[in-house]
Amino acid sequence: MSVNHLYFDIETVPDPTAAGLVVPPAEPDSGGAQKERIEVPPALDIDLCRVVAIGLARGDGDVTSSTGIGCVFERAALTVFWDQVRQPRTVLVGFNILKFDLPAMVRRSQYLDVKVAPVNIARYRHDGIVDLMQILSFDGLVRARKQTFYCQRFGLAAGADDHNTGANIGQLVEAGDWDAVRVHVRADVEKTRALYHAVMRTAA
């Protein structure tokens, strides 16, 4: 029975309701030395961000996107996503989705009281989730690079967005440039789909 691939990507920005939260300092290790704490930007912290865009494509179908800001939008967009995940034989495909996209969507759903579809984000690779970054880094054994690098290395031009990156999504949202946000998230989904096919052509 054939699987039903669901390619997706999200964009996030800092959640202003979390701006006053205090991040605890690093705890000393057993030898008394202070552990180094890597500072994560609020837009990339699952407890400090909010989702402003979700791009989706099922199989070879068109890429669609939901964009907006605020709890009403976020609840609606997350509900649509989890409904898509519940469809029979769905396999989620993305880039860095086990470390960020899926945990962020689960956490935002928890905060917003949205019913989450069953997903197992504790495993590297299985029948329900394909994380291309984990595959290309051999589950962290070698250096993980950005999706754009791998697309260029594989000679893929699909879904190119030459004007914006994920780093300036916050600026686009603040400026109300939702057309640019949609272009970017759809381009990332197109890149994910093209990269998946390139990688899987030689899979054992």
Protein backbone atom coordinates (compact mmCIF):
# COMPACT_ATOMS: atom_id res chain seq x y z
CA MET A 1 0.00 0.00 0.00
CA SER A 2 1.50 3.33 -1.07
CA VAL A 3 2.36 6.04 1.42
CA ASN A 4 1.03 9.57 1.33
CA HIS A 5 3.88 12.08 1.64
CA LEU A 6 3.11 15.39 3.31
CA TYR A 7 5.91 17.92 2.77
CA PHE A 8 5.82 20.89 5.12
CA ASP A 9 7.66 23.83 6.62
CA ILE A 10 6.83 26.46 9.21
CA GLU A 11 7.94 29.99 9.98
CA THR A 12 8.03 31.40 13.50
CA VAL A 13 8.57 34.72 15.23
CA PRO A 14 8.96 35.66 18.91
CA ASP A 15 5.78 35.43 20.97
CA PRO A 16 5.32 38.78 22.77
CA THR A 17 3.37 37.10 25.57
CA ALA A 18 6.58 35.25 26.52
CA ALA A 19 8.79 38.33 26.48
CA GLY A 20 8.85 38.66 30.26
CA LEU A 21 9.78 35.09 31.00
CA VAL A 22 13.12 34.56 32.72
CA VAL A 23 15.41 31.91 31.22
CA PRO A 24 17.21 30.13 34.08
CA PRO A 25 21.02 30.30 34.08
CA ALA A 26 23.16 27.30 33.27
CA GLU A 27 23.70 24.94 36.21
CA PRO A 28 27.22 23.94 37.31
CA ASP A 29 28.37 20.49 36.28
CA SER A 30 29.61 17.83 38.72
CA GLY A 31 33.07 19.40 38.79
CA GLY A 32 31.78 22.82 39.73
CA ALA A 33 32.38 24.36 36.31
CA GLN A 34 29.61 26.38 34.73
CA LYS A 35 28.04 24.69 31.74
CA GLU A 36 27.99 26.74 28.57
CA ARG A 37 24.43 27.62 27.61
CA ILE A 38 23.79 28.23 23.93
CA GLU A 39 21.53 31.21 23.48
CA VAL A 40 18.61 30.38 21.19
CA PRO A 41 16.75 33.28 19.55
CA PRO A 42 13.15 33.49 20.79
CA ALA A 43 11.87 32.78 17.27
CA LEU A 44 13.66 29.41 17.39
CA ASP A 45 12.79 28.51 20.98
CA ILE A 46 9.68 26.31 21.10
CA ASP A 47 8.58 27.93 24.37
CA LEU A 48 9.11 31.51 23.21
CA CYS A 49 7.92 31.48 19.59
CA ARG A 50 4.64 31.50 17.73
CA VAL A 51 3.81 30.12 14.28
CA VAL A 52 3.07 32.65 11.55
CA ALA A 53 3.21 30.44 8.45
CA ILE A 54 2.69 26.80 7.53
CA GLY A 55 3.43 25.53 4.03
CA LEU A 56 2.08 22.17 2.87
CA ALA A 57 2.21 19.95 -0.20
CA ARG A 58 0.81 16.44 -0.43
CA GLY A 59 2.58 14.20 -2.91
CA ASP A 60 3.09 15.96 -6.22
CA GLY A 61 0.26 18.42 -5.54
CA ASP A 62 0.43 22.19 -5.35
CA VAL A 63 2.04 23.89 -2.39
CA THR A 64 -0.42 25.75 -0.18
CA SER A 65 0.27 28.06 2.70
CA SER A 66 -1.48 29.58 5.70
CA THR A 67 -0.08 32.84 7.01
CA GLY A 68 -1.18 35.19 9.75
CA ILE A 69 -0.60 36.27 13.31
CA GLY A 70 -2.45 35.86 16.57
CA CYS A 71 -4.00 33.00 18.50
CA VAL A 72 -7.09 32.70 16.30
CA PHE A 73 -4.99 32.21 13.17
CA GLU A 74 -2.55 29.90 14.91
CA ARG A 75 -5.25 27.61 16.31
CA ALA A 76 -6.92 27.35 12.91
CA ALA A 77 -3.65 26.69 11.04
CA LEU A 78 -2.48 24.08 13.53
CA THR A 79 -5.86 22.35 13.45
CA VAL A 80 -5.67 22.08 9.66
CA PHE A 81 -2.13 20.70 9.88
CA TRP A 82 -2.98 17.99 12.42
CA ASP A 83 -6.04 17.04 10.37
CA GLN A 84 -3.70 16.51 7.42
CA VAL A 85 -1.39 14.37 9.57
CA ARG A 86 -4.33 12.14 10.54
CA GLN A 87 -5.03 11.16 6.94
CA PRO A 88 -4.28 7.48 6.25
CA ARG A 89 -0.70 6.43 5.41
CA THR A 90 0.65 9.96 5.84
CA VAL A 91 4.43 10.28 6.04
CA LEU A 92 5.73 13.67 7.17
CA VAL A 93 8.72 14.99 5.23
CA GLY A 94 10.71 18.06 6.18
CA PHE A 95 14.08 19.51 7.07
CA ASN A 96 15.04 19.64 10.76
CA ILE A 97 11.46 18.80 11.65
CA LEU A 98 12.38 16.44 14.50
CA LYS A 99 14.41 19.07 16.32
CA PHE A 100 12.31 22.13 15.59
CA ASP A 101 9.19 22.17 13.40
CA LEU A 102 7.31 19.30 15.02
CA PRO A 103 8.29 20.10 18.63
CA ALA A 104 7.33 23.74 18.02
CA MET A 105 3.96 22.78 16.57
CA VAL A 106 3.25 20.34 19.37
CA ARG A 107 4.22 22.92 22.00
CA ARG A 108 2.17 25.69 20.40
CA SER A 109 -0.76 23.30 20.21
CA GLN A 110 -0.35 22.54 23.91
CA TYR A 111 -0.33 26.23 24.80
CA LEU A 112 -3.32 26.96 22.53
CA ASP A 113 -5.35 23.86 23.47
CA VAL A 114 -5.29 22.33 19.98
CA LYS A 115 -5.67 18.56 19.65
CA VAL A 116 -2.40 17.04 18.36
CA ALA A 117 -2.30 14.07 15.99
CA PRO A 118 -0.15 11.14 17.16
CA VAL A 119 3.47 11.75 16.11
CA ASN A 120 6.62 10.10 17.40
CA ILE A 121 9.32 12.77 17.44
CA ALA A 122 11.67 10.77 19.66
CA ARG A 123 13.10 8.67 16.84
CA TYR A 124 15.57 9.51 14.08
CA ARG A 125 13.75 8.00 11.15
CA HIS A 126 10.76 5.73 10.81
CA ASP A 127 7.73 5.08 8.64
CA GLY A 128 5.86 8.16 9.82
CA ILE A 129 8.52 10.91 9.70
CA VAL A 130 11.40 11.64 7.34
CA ASP A 131 13.76 14.37 8.53
CA LEU A 132 16.14 15.16 5.68
CA MET A 133 18.62 16.97 7.91
CA GLN A 134 18.95 13.92 10.14
CA ILE A 135 19.41 11.67 7.13
CA LEU A 136 22.02 13.89 5.45
CA SER A 137 23.98 14.31 8.70
CA PHE A 138 23.78 10.56 9.42
CA ASP A 139 21.87 11.32 12.61
CA GLY A 140 24.47 13.84 13.75
CA LEU A 141 27.58 11.79 12.97
CA VAL A 142 28.73 14.43 10.49
CA ARG A 143 28.19 18.16 10.31
CA ALA A 144 24.62 19.20 9.51
CA ARG A 145 24.33 22.00 6.98
CA LYS A 146 21.49 24.25 5.93
CA GLN A 147 18.86 23.09 3.47
CA THR A 148 19.97 25.69 0.91
CA PHE A 149 23.49 24.21 0.90
CA TYR A 150 22.22 20.69 0.18
CA CYS A 151 19.93 21.94 -2.57
CA GLN A 152 22.82 23.74 -4.22
CA ARG A 153 25.09 20.71 -3.78
CA PHE A 154 22.51 18.44 -5.43
CA GLY A 155 22.04 20.99 -8.22
CA LEU A 156 18.42 21.72 -7.33
CA ALA A 157 16.83 25.01 -8.32
CA ALA A 158 13.27 24.21 -7.24
CA GLY A 159 11.53 26.76 -5.07
CA ALA A 160 14.32 29.31 -5.00
CA ASP A 161 13.63 32.43 -2.95
CA ASP A 162 16.45 34.82 -3.69
CA HIS A 163 15.08 37.67 -1.60
CA ASN A 164 14.45 36.34 1.90
CA THR A 165 15.61 33.78 4.44
CA GLY A 166 14.07 32.45 7.61
CA ALA A 167 16.15 34.96 9.56
CA ASN A 168 14.19 37.96 8.30
CA ILE A 169 10.68 36.52 8.53
CA GLY A 170 10.16 38.61 11.67
CA GLN A 171 10.93 41.78 9.73
CA LEU A 172 8.51 40.80 6.98
CA VAL A 173 5.76 40.07 9.49
CA GLU A 174 6.38 43.36 11.27
CA ALA A 175 6.15 45.17 7.93
CA GLY A 176 2.97 43.30 7.01
CA ASP A 177 4.59 41.82 3.89
CA TRP A 178 2.62 38.57 3.94
CA ASP A 179 3.12 38.00 0.22
CA ALA A 180 6.86 37.67 0.84
CA VAL A 181 6.23 35.33 3.78
CA ARG A 182 4.05 33.11 1.59
CA VAL A 183 6.64 33.08 -1.20
CA HIS A 184 9.34 32.05 1.26
CA VAL A 185 7.47 29.26 3.04
CA ARG A 186 6.22 27.81 -0.25
CA ALA A 187 9.76 27.93 -1.66
CA ASP A 188 11.02 26.00 1.36
CA VAL A 189 8.38 23.30 0.82
CA GLU A 190 9.34 23.02 -2.85
CA LYS A 191 13.00 22.68 -1.84
CA THR A 192 12.09 20.01 0.68
CA ARG A 193 10.21 17.98 -1.90
CA ALA A 194 12.97 18.26 -4.50
CA LEU A 195 15.64 17.38 -1.93
CA TYR A 196 13.65 14.38 -0.74
CA HIS A 197 13.47 12.95 -4.26
CA ALA A 198 17.18 13.62 -4.82
CA VAL A 199 18.16 11.84 -1.61
CA MET A 200 15.78 8.91 -1.99
CA ARG A 201 16.89 8.10 -5.53
CA THR A 202 19.91 6.32 -4.07
CA ALA A 203 18.37 5.02 -0.84
CA ALA A 204 18.87 1.34 -0.10
